[in-house]
Amino acid sequence: MLYEWTLGDDNLKAHDTILRARYGETDQMGIIYHPNYYIYFEMGRTEYLREAAGISYKEMEELGIMLPLTETHCKYRIPAKYDDELLVRTSIKEMTVARIAFLYKLIRTSDGETLAEGETVHAFTNRSGRPINMKKRFSNLYNTLYELINHKEER
């Protein structure tokens, strides 16, 4: 489901992905091992692109668009535990012709608690890893993604 997510002064188009924490994702203390949060973020990002932009990661790669990770951050607030139903709220924070930044909020559905908040930044590159200008090479997709952001700036 795509809807408006108010974050500070910005209204962002957000998508919610529901998942369940699996036993194999826990550590010895019975909580979700911290690198798994990035897998949850990836799941949210993938579904966001599929639903909001109308294109899957696979289709982007078939077009020759790669999204290598260039920056990442996660603030862990409350541990997720085995069998928790989790909601990954995903939106695009900002985008240029060369990169895109996603925001994530991981929420436990049973009580609405925010468990973690994160951000990933990805470059737009070709299959060889060279940067591409999305606006010039894939203008329709660039415009679709750009419309998902509530910016006052010029393109």
N, C-alpha and C. Protein backbone atom coordinates (compact mmCIF):
# COMPACT_ATOMS: atom_id res chain seq x y z
N MET A 1 0.84 -1.16 0.00
CA MET A 1 0.00 0.00 0.00
C MET A 1 0.89 1.24 0.00
N LEU A 2 0.61 2.19 -0.85
CA LEU A 2 1.35 3.43 -0.96
C LEU A 2 0.53 4.54 -0.33
N TYR A 3 1.15 5.37 0.51
CA TYR A 3 0.45 6.45 1.17
C TYR A 3 1.45 7.53 1.57
N GLU A 4 0.94 8.63 2.12
CA GLU A 4 1.79 9.73 2.59
C GLU A 4 2.35 9.41 3.97
N TRP A 5 3.64 9.65 4.16
CA TRP A 5 4.31 9.48 5.45
C TRP A 5 4.90 10.83 5.80
N THR A 6 4.46 11.46 6.87
CA THR A 6 4.98 12.75 7.30
C THR A 6 6.20 12.52 8.18
N LEU A 7 7.32 13.09 7.75
CA LEU A 7 8.57 12.97 8.48
C LEU A 7 9.15 14.38 8.57
N GLY A 8 9.10 14.96 9.75
CA GLY A 8 9.54 16.34 9.90
C GLY A 8 8.61 17.24 9.09
N ASP A 9 9.20 18.04 8.21
CA ASP A 9 8.43 18.94 7.36
C ASP A 9 8.05 18.32 6.02
N ASP A 10 8.50 17.09 5.77
CA ASP A 10 8.28 16.46 4.48
C ASP A 10 7.14 15.46 4.51
N ASN A 11 6.37 15.45 3.43
CA ASN A 11 5.38 14.40 3.21
C ASN A 11 5.96 13.49 2.15
N LEU A 12 6.25 12.26 2.54
CA LEU A 12 6.90 11.32 1.65
C LEU A 12 5.93 10.23 1.25
N LYS A 13 6.04 9.75 0.02
CA LYS A 13 5.26 8.58 -0.41
C LYS A 13 5.92 7.36 0.21
N ALA A 14 5.18 6.62 1.00
CA ALA A 14 5.74 5.48 1.72
C ALA A 14 5.02 4.19 1.32
N HIS A 15 5.71 3.09 1.54
CA HIS A 15 5.15 1.77 1.30
C HIS A 15 5.42 0.91 2.53
N ASP A 16 4.44 0.11 2.92
CA ASP A 16 4.60 -0.80 4.05
C ASP A 16 4.73 -2.23 3.57
N THR A 17 5.72 -2.92 4.09
CA THR A 17 5.93 -4.34 3.82
C THR A 17 5.84 -5.08 5.15
N ILE A 18 5.04 -6.11 5.20
CA ILE A 18 4.87 -6.90 6.42
C ILE A 18 5.71 -8.18 6.30
N LEU A 19 6.41 -8.52 7.38
CA LEU A 19 7.18 -9.76 7.42
C LEU A 19 7.17 -10.29 8.83
N ARG A 20 7.63 -11.52 9.01
CA ARG A 20 7.70 -12.12 10.34
C ARG A 20 9.14 -12.52 10.62
N ALA A 21 9.63 -12.15 11.81
CA ALA A 21 11.00 -12.50 12.21
C ALA A 21 11.11 -14.01 12.39
N ARG A 22 12.09 -14.60 11.72
CA ARG A 22 12.26 -16.05 11.74
C ARG A 22 13.30 -16.46 12.78
N TYR A 23 13.18 -17.70 13.24
CA TYR A 23 14.08 -18.22 14.27
C TYR A 23 15.54 -18.15 13.84
N GLY A 24 15.83 -18.47 12.59
CA GLY A 24 17.20 -18.45 12.09
C GLY A 24 17.82 -17.07 12.05
N GLU A 25 17.04 -16.02 12.26
CA GLU A 25 17.55 -14.65 12.25
C GLU A 25 17.93 -14.15 13.64
N THR A 26 17.73 -15.01 14.65
CA THR A 26 18.01 -14.59 16.02
C THR A 26 19.45 -14.92 16.42
N ASP A 27 19.92 -14.24 17.45
CA ASP A 27 21.24 -14.53 18.01
C ASP A 27 21.07 -15.34 19.29
N GLN A 28 22.15 -15.56 20.01
CA GLN A 28 22.12 -16.38 21.22
C GLN A 28 21.23 -15.77 22.31
N MET A 29 21.00 -14.46 22.23
CA MET A 29 20.17 -13.80 23.24
C MET A 29 18.68 -13.82 22.88
N GLY A 30 18.35 -14.44 21.73
CA GLY A 30 16.95 -14.55 21.33
C GLY A 30 16.40 -13.33 20.63
N ILE A 31 17.29 -12.41 20.25
CA ILE A 31 16.83 -11.22 19.52
C ILE A 31 17.35 -11.31 18.08
N ILE A 32 16.73 -10.53 17.22
CA ILE A 32 17.13 -10.54 15.81
C ILE A 32 18.54 -9.97 15.70
N TYR A 33 19.42 -10.75 15.10
CA TYR A 33 20.82 -10.35 14.90
C TYR A 33 20.87 -9.11 14.02
N HIS A 34 21.66 -8.12 14.43
CA HIS A 34 21.60 -6.78 13.84
C HIS A 34 21.77 -6.71 12.32
N PRO A 35 22.61 -7.52 11.66
CA PRO A 35 22.70 -7.40 10.19
C PRO A 35 21.39 -7.75 9.47
N ASN A 36 20.52 -8.49 10.12
CA ASN A 36 19.26 -8.87 9.48
C ASN A 36 18.33 -7.67 9.26
N TYR A 37 18.53 -6.60 9.99
CA TYR A 37 17.72 -5.41 9.77
C TYR A 37 17.93 -4.88 8.35
N TYR A 38 19.16 -5.01 7.85
CA TYR A 38 19.43 -4.56 6.48
C TYR A 38 18.76 -5.45 5.44
N ILE A 39 18.57 -6.72 5.77
CA ILE A 39 17.80 -7.60 4.89
C ILE A 39 16.35 -7.14 4.87
N TYR A 40 15.82 -6.78 6.04
CA TYR A 40 14.45 -6.27 6.11
C TYR A 40 14.32 -4.97 5.31
N PHE A 41 15.33 -4.10 5.43
CA PHE A 41 15.31 -2.86 4.65
C PHE A 41 15.29 -3.17 3.16
N GLU A 42 16.11 -4.14 2.74
CA GLU A 42 16.14 -4.51 1.32
C GLU A 42 14.77 -5.03 0.87
N MET A 43 14.13 -5.81 1.70
CA MET A 43 12.79 -6.31 1.36
C MET A 43 11.83 -5.14 1.18
N GLY A 44 11.89 -4.17 2.07
CA GLY A 44 11.04 -2.99 1.95
C GLY A 44 11.34 -2.19 0.70
N ARG A 45 12.62 -1.99 0.42
CA ARG A 45 13.04 -1.23 -0.77
C ARG A 45 12.59 -1.91 -2.06
N THR A 46 12.75 -3.22 -2.10
CA THR A 46 12.35 -3.99 -3.28
C THR A 46 10.85 -3.87 -3.55
N GLU A 47 10.06 -4.02 -2.50
CA GLU A 47 8.61 -3.93 -2.67
C GLU A 47 8.16 -2.50 -2.95
N TYR A 48 8.86 -1.52 -2.37
CA TYR A 48 8.56 -0.11 -2.66
C TYR A 48 8.73 0.16 -4.15
N LEU A 49 9.87 -0.26 -4.71
CA LEU A 49 10.12 -0.03 -6.13
C LEU A 49 9.08 -0.75 -6.99
N ARG A 50 8.77 -1.98 -6.62
CA ARG A 50 7.81 -2.77 -7.39
C ARG A 50 6.44 -2.10 -7.41
N GLU A 51 5.97 -1.68 -6.23
CA GLU A 51 4.62 -1.12 -6.16
C GLU A 51 4.57 0.36 -6.54
N ALA A 52 5.46 1.16 -5.98
CA ALA A 52 5.39 2.61 -6.19
C ALA A 52 5.91 3.03 -7.56
N ALA A 53 7.00 2.41 -8.00
CA ALA A 53 7.60 2.81 -9.27
C ALA A 53 7.19 1.89 -10.41
N GLY A 54 6.59 0.76 -10.07
CA GLY A 54 6.13 -0.16 -11.10
C GLY A 54 7.24 -0.94 -11.78
N ILE A 55 8.37 -1.10 -11.10
CA ILE A 55 9.50 -1.84 -11.68
C ILE A 55 10.19 -2.64 -10.58
N SER A 56 10.56 -3.86 -10.89
CA SER A 56 11.26 -4.69 -9.91
C SER A 56 12.77 -4.48 -10.04
N TYR A 57 13.50 -4.89 -8.99
CA TYR A 57 14.96 -4.84 -9.05
C TYR A 57 15.45 -5.65 -10.26
N LYS A 58 14.84 -6.81 -10.46
CA LYS A 58 15.24 -7.67 -11.57
C LYS A 58 15.08 -6.94 -12.91
N GLU A 59 13.96 -6.27 -13.09
CA GLU A 59 13.73 -5.52 -14.33
C GLU A 59 14.74 -4.38 -14.48
N MET A 60 15.07 -3.72 -13.37
CA MET A 60 16.06 -2.64 -13.43
C MET A 60 17.40 -3.21 -13.88
N GLU A 61 17.80 -4.35 -13.29
CA GLU A 61 19.07 -4.96 -13.67
C GLU A 61 19.06 -5.41 -15.12
N GLU A 62 17.93 -5.91 -15.61
CA GLU A 62 17.82 -6.30 -17.02
C GLU A 62 17.99 -5.10 -17.94
N LEU A 63 17.59 -3.90 -17.47
CA LEU A 63 17.80 -2.67 -18.23
C LEU A 63 19.25 -2.18 -18.14
N GLY A 64 20.01 -2.77 -17.23
CA GLY A 64 21.40 -2.35 -17.03
C GLY A 64 21.58 -1.33 -15.93
N ILE A 65 20.57 -1.18 -15.07
CA ILE A 65 20.64 -0.24 -13.94
C ILE A 65 20.99 -1.01 -12.69
N MET A 66 22.13 -0.69 -12.08
CA MET A 66 22.54 -1.30 -10.83
C MET A 66 22.44 -0.25 -9.71
N LEU A 67 22.21 -0.71 -8.50
CA LEU A 67 22.08 0.18 -7.35
C LEU A 67 23.05 -0.22 -6.24
N PRO A 68 24.36 -0.07 -6.46
CA PRO A 68 25.29 -0.44 -5.39
C PRO A 68 25.14 0.50 -4.18
N LEU A 69 25.28 -0.10 -3.03
CA LEU A 69 25.19 0.64 -1.77
C LEU A 69 26.42 1.50 -1.57
N THR A 70 26.23 2.77 -1.24
CA THR A 70 27.36 3.67 -0.98
C THR A 70 27.40 4.18 0.46
N GLU A 71 26.25 4.19 1.13
CA GLU A 71 26.19 4.61 2.53
C GLU A 71 25.07 3.85 3.22
N THR A 72 25.23 3.64 4.51
CA THR A 72 24.17 2.99 5.27
C THR A 72 24.22 3.46 6.73
N HIS A 73 23.05 3.43 7.35
CA HIS A 73 22.95 3.81 8.76
C HIS A 73 21.73 3.12 9.35
N CYS A 74 21.83 2.68 10.59
CA CYS A 74 20.69 2.12 11.29
C CYS A 74 20.78 2.49 12.76
N LYS A 75 19.69 3.01 13.29
CA LYS A 75 19.61 3.28 14.72
C LYS A 75 18.68 2.24 15.32
N TYR A 76 19.25 1.39 16.17
CA TYR A 76 18.49 0.33 16.82
C TYR A 76 17.89 0.89 18.11
N ARG A 77 16.59 0.79 18.25
CA ARG A 77 15.91 1.35 19.42
C ARG A 77 15.47 0.26 20.40
N ILE A 78 14.72 -0.71 19.91
CA ILE A 78 14.19 -1.80 20.72
C ILE A 78 14.43 -3.09 19.94
N PRO A 79 14.91 -4.15 20.59
CA PRO A 79 15.19 -5.37 19.83
C PRO A 79 13.93 -6.04 19.28
N ALA A 80 14.03 -6.53 18.06
CA ALA A 80 13.00 -7.39 17.50
C ALA A 80 13.30 -8.81 17.97
N LYS A 81 12.28 -9.61 18.14
CA LYS A 81 12.45 -10.98 18.63
C LYS A 81 11.79 -11.97 17.69
N TYR A 82 12.16 -13.22 17.87
CA TYR A 82 11.61 -14.30 17.07
C TYR A 82 10.09 -14.24 17.05
N ASP A 83 9.53 -14.40 15.87
CA ASP A 83 8.09 -14.48 15.60
C ASP A 83 7.38 -13.13 15.69
N ASP A 84 8.10 -12.03 15.94
CA ASP A 84 7.46 -10.71 15.87
C ASP A 84 6.99 -10.47 14.45
N GLU A 85 5.77 -9.94 14.31
CA GLU A 85 5.34 -9.46 13.00
C GLU A 85 5.87 -8.04 12.87
N LEU A 86 6.57 -7.79 11.79
CA LEU A 86 7.25 -6.51 11.59
C LEU A 86 6.73 -5.81 10.35
N LEU A 87 6.68 -4.51 10.43
CA LEU A 87 6.29 -3.67 9.31
C LEU A 87 7.52 -2.85 8.93
N VAL A 88 7.90 -2.90 7.68
CA VAL A 88 9.00 -2.08 7.17
C VAL A 88 8.37 -0.95 6.38
N ARG A 89 8.47 0.27 6.88
CA ARG A 89 7.95 1.45 6.18
C ARG A 89 9.11 2.06 5.39
N THR A 90 8.94 2.17 4.09
CA THR A 90 10.02 2.60 3.20
C THR A 90 9.58 3.81 2.39
N SER A 91 10.49 4.74 2.19
CA SER A 91 10.24 5.89 1.31
C SER A 91 11.55 6.34 0.70
N ILE A 92 11.45 7.17 -0.31
CA ILE A 92 12.63 7.80 -0.89
C ILE A 92 12.85 9.12 -0.18
N LYS A 93 14.02 9.29 0.38
CA LYS A 93 14.36 10.53 1.08
C LYS A 93 14.73 11.63 0.08
N GLU A 94 15.61 11.25 -0.86
CA GLU A 94 16.05 12.21 -1.87
C GLU A 94 16.65 11.45 -3.04
N MET A 95 16.75 12.15 -4.16
CA MET A 95 17.30 11.53 -5.35
C MET A 95 17.93 12.59 -6.23
N THR A 96 19.05 12.23 -6.83
CA THR A 96 19.67 13.06 -7.86
C THR A 96 19.77 12.20 -9.12
N VAL A 97 20.37 12.72 -10.16
CA VAL A 97 20.53 11.93 -11.38
C VAL A 97 21.51 10.79 -11.18
N ALA A 98 22.31 10.82 -10.10
CA ALA A 98 23.36 9.83 -9.88
C ALA A 98 23.16 8.94 -8.66
N ARG A 99 22.24 9.30 -7.76
CA ARG A 99 22.07 8.49 -6.55
C ARG A 99 20.66 8.61 -6.01
N ILE A 100 20.32 7.67 -5.12
CA ILE A 100 19.00 7.65 -4.50
C ILE A 100 19.16 7.23 -3.05
N ALA A 101 18.45 7.90 -2.15
CA ALA A 101 18.51 7.59 -0.72
C ALA A 101 17.13 7.15 -0.25
N PHE A 102 17.10 6.03 0.47
CA PHE A 102 15.87 5.48 1.02
C PHE A 102 15.87 5.60 2.54
N LEU A 103 14.68 5.83 3.10
CA LEU A 103 14.47 5.84 4.55
C LEU A 103 13.64 4.62 4.93
N TYR A 104 13.91 4.09 6.13
CA TYR A 104 13.19 2.92 6.62
C TYR A 104 12.82 3.12 8.08
N LYS A 105 11.68 2.58 8.43
CA LYS A 105 11.27 2.52 9.83
C LYS A 105 10.76 1.09 10.04
N LEU A 106 11.32 0.39 11.02
CA LEU A 106 10.91 -0.97 11.35
C LEU A 106 10.02 -0.91 12.58
N ILE A 107 8.78 -1.36 12.44
CA ILE A 107 7.78 -1.24 13.49
C ILE A 107 7.24 -2.63 13.85
N ARG A 108 7.12 -2.90 15.14
CA ARG A 108 6.47 -4.14 15.59
C ARG A 108 4.97 -3.90 15.53
N THR A 109 4.25 -4.74 14.79
CA THR A 109 2.82 -4.49 14.57
C THR A 109 1.97 -4.70 15.81
N SER A 110 2.39 -5.57 16.72
CA SER A 110 1.56 -5.88 17.89
C SER A 110 1.37 -4.69 18.81
N ASP A 111 2.36 -3.80 18.89
CA ASP A 111 2.23 -2.66 19.80
C ASP A 111 2.59 -1.31 19.15
N GLY A 112 2.96 -1.34 17.87
CA GLY A 112 3.28 -0.09 17.17
C GLY A 112 4.62 0.52 17.53
N GLU A 113 5.44 -0.20 18.30
CA GLU A 113 6.74 0.32 18.71
C GLU A 113 7.70 0.39 17.52
N THR A 114 8.42 1.51 17.44
CA THR A 114 9.48 1.64 16.44
C THR A 114 10.71 0.93 16.98
N LEU A 115 11.15 -0.09 16.24
CA LEU A 115 12.30 -0.89 16.67
C LEU A 115 13.61 -0.36 16.12
N ALA A 116 13.57 0.16 14.90
CA ALA A 116 14.79 0.68 14.27
C ALA A 116 14.41 1.67 13.19
N GLU A 117 15.35 2.57 12.90
CA GLU A 117 15.21 3.51 11.79
C GLU A 117 16.50 3.50 11.01
N GLY A 118 16.39 3.52 9.70
CA GLY A 118 17.61 3.43 8.90
C GLY A 118 17.52 4.21 7.61
N GLU A 119 18.66 4.24 6.95
CA GLU A 119 18.79 4.92 5.66
C GLU A 119 19.85 4.19 4.86
N THR A 120 19.60 4.06 3.56
CA THR A 120 20.62 3.55 2.65
C THR A 120 20.70 4.50 1.46
N VAL A 121 21.91 4.67 0.96
CA VAL A 121 22.14 5.50 -0.22
C VAL A 121 22.77 4.60 -1.28
N HIS A 122 22.25 4.71 -2.50
CA HIS A 122 22.70 3.87 -3.60
C HIS A 122 23.06 4.73 -4.79
N ALA A 123 24.11 4.35 -5.48
CA ALA A 123 24.48 5.01 -6.73
C ALA A 123 23.70 4.36 -7.86
N PHE A 124 23.45 5.10 -8.91
CA PHE A 124 22.93 4.53 -10.15
C PHE A 124 24.15 4.23 -11.02
N THR A 125 24.37 2.95 -11.35
CA THR A 125 25.52 2.60 -12.19
C THR A 125 25.07 1.63 -13.28
N ASN A 126 25.98 1.44 -14.26
CA ASN A 126 25.74 0.41 -15.27
C ASN A 126 26.30 -0.91 -14.75
N ARG A 127 26.25 -1.94 -15.57
CA ARG A 127 26.72 -3.27 -15.12
C ARG A 127 28.22 -3.28 -14.81
N SER A 128 28.96 -2.35 -15.38
CA SER A 128 30.40 -2.27 -15.13
C SER A 128 30.73 -1.46 -13.88
N GLY A 129 29.70 -0.93 -13.23
CA GLY A 129 29.92 -0.15 -12.02
C GLY A 129 30.21 1.32 -12.27
N ARG A 130 30.08 1.75 -13.51
CA ARG A 130 30.29 3.17 -13.83
C ARG A 130 29.00 3.95 -13.57
N PRO A 131 29.13 5.14 -12.98
CA PRO A 131 27.94 5.95 -12.72
C PRO A 131 27.19 6.27 -14.01
N ILE A 132 25.86 6.31 -13.90
CA ILE A 132 25.04 6.73 -15.03
C ILE A 132 24.16 7.89 -14.60
N ASN A 133 23.77 8.69 -15.55
CA ASN A 133 22.84 9.79 -15.33
C ASN A 133 21.45 9.25 -15.63
N MET A 134 20.68 8.98 -14.59
CA MET A 134 19.36 8.39 -14.76
C MET A 134 18.43 9.26 -15.59
N LYS A 135 18.54 10.56 -15.41
CA LYS A 135 17.63 11.46 -16.12
C LYS A 135 17.89 11.39 -17.63
N LYS A 136 19.15 11.25 -18.03
CA LYS A 136 19.47 11.18 -19.45
C LYS A 136 19.24 9.79 -20.03
N ARG A 137 19.65 8.74 -19.31
CA ARG A 137 19.60 7.37 -19.84
C ARG A 137 18.23 6.71 -19.71
N PHE A 138 17.53 7.01 -18.61
CA PHE A 138 16.24 6.36 -18.33
C PHE A 138 15.27 7.42 -17.81
N SER A 139 14.94 8.38 -18.65
CA SER A 139 14.15 9.54 -18.22
C SER A 139 12.78 9.16 -17.69
N ASN A 140 12.11 8.18 -18.28
CA ASN A 140 10.78 7.80 -17.79
C ASN A 140 10.85 7.26 -16.37
N LEU A 141 11.79 6.38 -16.10
CA LEU A 141 11.95 5.83 -14.76
C LEU A 141 12.39 6.91 -13.78
N TYR A 142 13.32 7.76 -14.22
CA TYR A 142 13.77 8.87 -13.37
C TYR A 142 12.57 9.72 -12.96
N ASN A 143 11.73 10.09 -13.93
CA ASN A 143 10.58 10.94 -13.63
C ASN A 143 9.58 10.23 -12.71
N THR A 144 9.38 8.94 -12.91
CA THR A 144 8.49 8.18 -12.03
C THR A 144 9.00 8.21 -10.60
N LEU A 145 10.29 7.93 -10.41
CA LEU A 145 10.88 7.97 -9.07
C LEU A 145 10.84 9.37 -8.49
N TYR A 146 11.14 10.35 -9.31
CA TYR A 146 11.18 11.73 -8.82
C TYR A 146 9.80 12.19 -8.33
N GLU A 147 8.75 11.74 -9.01
CA GLU A 147 7.40 12.13 -8.61
C GLU A 147 7.02 11.57 -7.24
N LEU A 148 7.72 10.55 -6.79
CA LEU A 148 7.44 9.97 -5.47
C LEU A 148 8.01 10.81 -4.33
N ILE A 149 8.79 11.81 -4.67
CA ILE A 149 9.43 12.66 -3.66
C ILE A 149 8.73 14.00 -3.65
N ASN A 150 8.44 14.52 -2.47
CA ASN A 150 7.82 15.82 -2.33
C ASN A 150 8.91 16.86 -2.18
N HIS A 151 9.47 17.29 -3.31
CA HIS A 151 10.55 18.28 -3.32
C HIS A 151 10.05 19.61 -3.83
N LYS A 152 10.65 20.66 -3.33
CA LYS A 152 10.39 21.98 -3.85
C LYS A 152 11.51 22.44 -4.78
N GLU A 153 12.56 21.59 -4.88
CA GLU A 153 13.73 21.94 -5.68
C GLU A 153 13.46 21.72 -7.16
N GLU A 154 14.27 22.36 -7.99
CA GLU A 154 14.22 22.14 -9.44
C GLU A 154 14.85 20.82 -9.75
N ARG A 155 14.37 20.18 -10.80
CA ARG A 155 14.98 18.94 -11.27
C ARG A 155 16.19 19.32 -12.06
